[in-house]
Protein backbone atom coordinates (compact mmCIF):
# COMPACT_ATOMS: atom_id res chain seq x y z
CA MET A 1 84.94 77.75 74.54
CA SER A 2 81.76 76.54 73.59
CA SER A 3 78.51 78.61 75.54
CA VAL A 4 77.92 74.99 77.26
CA SER A 5 81.57 75.38 78.53
CA ARG A 6 80.84 79.54 80.06
CA SER A 7 77.36 78.55 81.55
CA ARG A 8 78.66 76.61 83.52
CA SER A 9 82.07 78.59 84.04
CA ALA A 10 79.42 81.18 84.97
CA LEU A 11 77.33 79.36 87.21
CA LEU A 12 80.15 78.34 88.96
CA GLY A 13 81.59 81.45 89.44
CA THR A 14 78.86 83.08 90.94
CA ILE A 15 78.12 79.87 93.92
CA SER A 16 81.82 79.97 94.78
CA SER A 17 81.89 83.51 94.81
CA GLN A 18 78.65 83.36 97.28
CA ALA A 19 80.17 80.60 98.99
CA TYR A 20 83.70 82.57 99.72
CA THR A 21 81.56 85.85 100.59
CA ILE A 22 79.65 83.39 103.23
CA ILE A 23 82.65 81.91 104.58
CA GLY A 24 84.92 85.45 105.30
CA MET A 25 82.12 86.80 107.09
CA LEU A 26 82.24 83.37 109.13
CA VAL A 27 86.30 84.50 109.71
CA SER A 28 85.60 87.95 109.93
CA ILE A 29 82.99 86.86 113.11
CA ILE A 30 85.66 84.20 114.60
CA SER A 31 88.54 86.79 114.11
CA THR A 32 87.37 90.27 115.12
CA PRO A 33 87.52 88.86 118.90
CA LEU A 34 90.73 88.24 118.52
CA MET A 35 92.40 91.14 117.34
CA VAL A 36 90.16 92.82 119.52
CA ARG A 37 92.04 91.25 122.66
CA TYR A 38 94.84 93.23 121.51
CA LEU A 39 93.91 97.06 120.43
CA ASP A 40 92.20 98.95 122.43
CA LYS A 41 88.83 100.57 121.99
CA GLU A 42 90.33 103.46 120.02
CA GLU A 43 92.72 101.67 118.24
CA TYR A 44 90.09 99.32 116.88
CA GLY A 45 87.88 102.51 116.03
CA LEU A 46 91.01 103.43 114.20
CA SER A 47 91.71 100.87 112.40
CA ILE A 48 87.70 100.99 111.23
CA LEU A 49 88.28 103.62 110.38
CA PHE A 50 91.36 102.42 107.42
CA PHE A 51 89.45 100.08 106.07
CA GLN A 52 86.83 102.51 105.48
CA VAL A 53 89.55 105.38 104.18
CA ILE A 54 90.22 101.90 102.09
CA GLY A 55 86.53 101.22 100.73
CA TYR A 56 86.53 105.43 99.54
CA LEU A 57 89.21 105.18 98.12
CA ALA A 58 88.28 102.51 95.97
CA LEU A 59 85.37 104.79 94.45
CA PHE A 60 87.66 105.53 92.51
CA ASP A 61 86.96 103.56 89.71
CA PHE A 62 84.33 105.60 87.70
CA GLY A 63 82.85 102.43 86.34
CA PHE A 64 86.09 101.38 84.68
CA GLY A 65 87.09 98.66 85.59
CA PRO A 66 83.57 96.96 84.86
CA ALA A 67 83.69 98.52 81.08
CA VAL A 68 87.17 96.96 80.84
CA ILE A 69 85.76 93.74 81.17
CA GLN A 70 82.74 93.64 79.33
CA GLN A 71 85.50 94.71 76.80
CA PHE A 72 87.52 91.74 76.58
CA ALA A 73 84.13 89.36 76.52
CA LEU A 74 83.45 91.11 73.22
CA HIS A 75 86.80 90.11 72.14
CA ARG A 76 87.39 86.66 73.61
CA GLY A 77 87.52 85.62 69.61
CA ASP A 78 91.36 83.26 68.23
CA ASP A 79 90.94 86.00 65.15
CA GLU A 80 93.84 88.15 64.41
CA HIS A 81 90.82 91.52 64.97
CA ASN A 82 90.28 90.09 68.34
CA GLN A 83 94.10 89.56 69.50
CA LEU A 84 94.28 92.93 68.13
CA MET A 85 91.55 94.63 70.10
CA VAL A 86 92.48 92.47 73.69
CA ASN A 87 96.54 93.98 72.95
CA ARG A 88 94.75 97.55 73.06
CA ILE A 89 92.15 96.80 75.54
CA MET A 90 95.25 95.87 78.40
CA SER A 91 97.69 98.32 77.23
CA THR A 92 94.45 101.17 78.12
CA GLY A 93 93.66 99.46 80.91
CA VAL A 94 97.09 99.24 82.24
CA TYR A 95 97.92 103.02 82.11
CA ALA A 96 94.34 103.98 82.50
CA PHE A 97 94.16 101.95 86.10
CA LEU A 98 97.64 103.55 86.93
CA GLY A 99 96.00 106.74 86.41
CA LEU A 100 93.45 106.32 88.69
CA GLY A 101 96.03 104.76 90.89
CA LEU A 102 98.03 107.70 90.90
CA LEU A 103 95.09 109.57 91.71
CA VAL A 104 93.93 107.77 94.81
CA SER A 105 97.43 107.55 96.59
CA LEU A 106 97.45 111.82 95.55
CA VAL A 107 94.04 111.88 97.28
CA GLY A 108 94.93 109.82 100.12
CA PHE A 109 98.63 112.07 100.51
CA PHE A 110 96.12 114.97 100.70
CA PHE A 111 93.51 113.89 103.08
CA ALA A 112 95.96 111.78 105.70
CA PRO A 113 97.58 115.27 107.42
CA PHE A 114 93.82 115.66 108.68
CA VAL A 115 92.67 112.31 109.66
CA PRO A 116 93.99 113.62 113.28
CA ASP A 117 92.46 116.20 114.16
CA VAL A 118 88.78 115.25 111.34
CA TYR A 119 88.08 112.22 114.21
CA HIS A 120 89.91 113.89 117.12
CA LEU A 121 92.56 111.25 118.05
CA ARG A 122 94.73 111.22 121.02
CA ALA A 123 98.28 111.92 120.65
CA ASP A 124 99.43 108.93 119.91
CA LEU A 125 96.33 107.63 117.70
CA ALA A 126 97.31 110.60 115.77
CA GLU A 127 101.15 109.99 115.81
CA VAL A 128 100.59 106.60 114.30
CA ALA A 129 97.37 107.39 111.60
CA VAL A 130 99.23 109.91 109.38
CA PRO A 131 101.75 107.40 108.17
CA ILE A 132 99.30 104.70 108.09
CA VAL A 133 97.16 106.87 105.45
CA PHE A 134 99.97 108.12 103.58
CA THR A 135 100.81 103.88 102.84
CA LEU A 136 97.22 102.98 102.78
CA SER A 137 96.75 104.68 99.96
CA VAL A 138 100.12 103.58 98.08
CA VAL A 139 98.77 100.08 98.46
CA MET A 140 95.44 100.81 97.08
CA GLY A 141 97.11 102.62 94.39
CA ALA A 142 98.98 99.33 93.30
CA GLN A 143 95.65 97.15 93.83
CA PHE A 144 93.85 99.47 90.79
CA LEU A 145 96.20 98.10 89.00
CA GLN A 146 95.55 94.24 90.68
CA ARG A 147 91.35 94.35 89.75
CA GLY A 148 92.64 95.48 86.12
CA LEU A 149 93.93 92.31 85.70
CA GLY A 150 91.74 90.48 87.41
CA GLY A 151 89.25 92.07 85.55
CA ILE A 152 90.28 89.72 82.20
CA PHE A 153 89.87 86.56 84.94
CA TYR A 154 85.69 87.54 84.27
CA ALA A 155 86.00 88.75 80.78
CA HIS A 156 86.67 84.94 80.14
CA HIS A 157 84.98 83.12 82.91
CA ARG A 158 87.26 82.14 85.33
CA GLN A 159 85.48 83.04 87.86
CA THR A 160 86.01 80.67 89.88
CA LEU A 161 90.36 80.60 89.03
CA ILE A 162 90.66 84.17 90.01
CA GLY A 163 88.08 84.16 93.59
CA THR A 164 89.45 80.65 94.96
CA THR A 165 93.17 82.18 95.01
CA SER A 166 92.52 85.51 96.19
CA PHE A 167 89.72 83.68 99.07
CA ILE A 168 92.89 81.94 99.55
CA VAL A 169 95.36 85.16 99.87
CA ASN A 170 92.83 87.24 101.93
CA ILE A 171 91.70 84.55 104.23
CA SER A 172 95.84 84.57 104.87
CA GLY A 173 95.69 88.28 105.36
CA THR A 174 93.44 87.93 108.14
CA ILE A 175 95.66 85.16 109.70
CA LEU A 176 98.46 87.31 109.36
CA SER A 177 96.61 90.51 111.21
CA ILE A 178 96.21 88.26 113.78
CA VAL A 179 99.85 86.84 114.24
CA LEU A 180 101.06 90.50 114.30
CA LEU A 181 99.01 91.82 116.79
CA SER A 182 99.77 89.40 119.28
CA GLN A 183 103.46 90.09 118.42
CA GLY A 184 102.51 93.43 119.21
CA ILE A 185 103.05 95.32 115.73
CA GLY A 186 99.37 97.25 116.86
CA LEU A 187 97.98 98.98 114.20
CA TRP A 188 100.85 98.70 111.71
CA SER A 189 99.64 94.92 111.80
CA PHE A 190 96.76 95.76 109.30
CA VAL A 191 98.58 97.73 106.63
CA TYR A 192 101.32 94.77 106.59
CA SER A 193 98.41 92.47 106.03
CA ASN A 194 96.72 94.58 103.61
CA ILE A 195 100.36 95.03 101.47
CA PHE A 196 100.76 91.14 101.63
CA GLN A 197 97.84 90.52 99.90
CA VAL A 198 97.95 93.09 97.19
CA PHE A 199 101.75 92.11 96.13
CA THR A 200 100.87 88.66 96.59
CA THR A 201 97.24 89.18 94.70
CA LEU A 202 98.85 90.50 92.15
CA LEU A 203 101.85 88.03 91.51
CA VAL A 204 98.65 84.63 91.76
CA GLN A 205 97.46 86.96 88.89
CA VAL A 206 100.30 87.43 86.64
CA ILE A 207 101.65 83.95 87.15
CA LEU A 208 97.70 82.62 86.39
CA LEU A 209 97.92 84.76 83.19
CA ARG A 210 101.12 82.84 82.49
CA ARG A 211 99.78 80.13 82.98
CA TYR A 212 96.09 80.11 81.20
CA SER A 213 97.79 82.45 78.77
CA GLY A 214 95.53 79.97 75.77
CA PHE A 215 92.58 81.92 76.97
CA MET A 216 93.38 85.08 76.38
CA ASN A 217 92.44 84.43 72.28
CA GLY A 218 89.55 82.48 72.70
CA VAL A 219 91.65 79.03 73.06
CA HIS A 220 90.10 76.67 75.46
CA ASP A 221 92.89 74.01 76.47
CA SER A 222 91.24 71.18 78.10
CA ARG A 223 93.92 70.30 80.19
CA ASN A 224 93.69 73.58 81.88
CA GLY A 225 89.98 73.45 82.75
């Protein structure tokens, strides 16, 4: 990929990322009142807590994700040395993210039993909160592997490609949450939606990696954009 193509891809990636962020905020503004229709105040507050837990667990990345992206970006050539380095980075990255995912799951497991007391939840919410935090901890652990694969696309200036697919999956997840809430699933709706988003994104990334495997070796196929 030429420097002009890389600059164009980076620009499109930045623009699309900002556009998707704005659209995502608008969708959140529209979807929140719909979700509140099916939850009381405490249930909705607890749903916010779940997202906060996910956000805190995401901090266990320790900056490893950007480091992997940087290393991939340094070895985009199609010569034997760069191909070897890419393979090593991928192998190291997979094991590292699996380790971080396991750490996140363990932290979530440790924290889950204390959620009812820390947040003074009423009995019915306390009963559901612990298994939900357990489940989200496992899902978050799996998300670390997804983030590692996503870094490959950013390193090879395919932000628009992976950003668009992630945006579609996230919007679908929001719609799924509302549908499940309307069916009386309750707080588990957010868990099922999160599971859908993480594993669908992971599946899409694997498919895209196979489809666009040429750019892994720095080979630009004009048919693939």
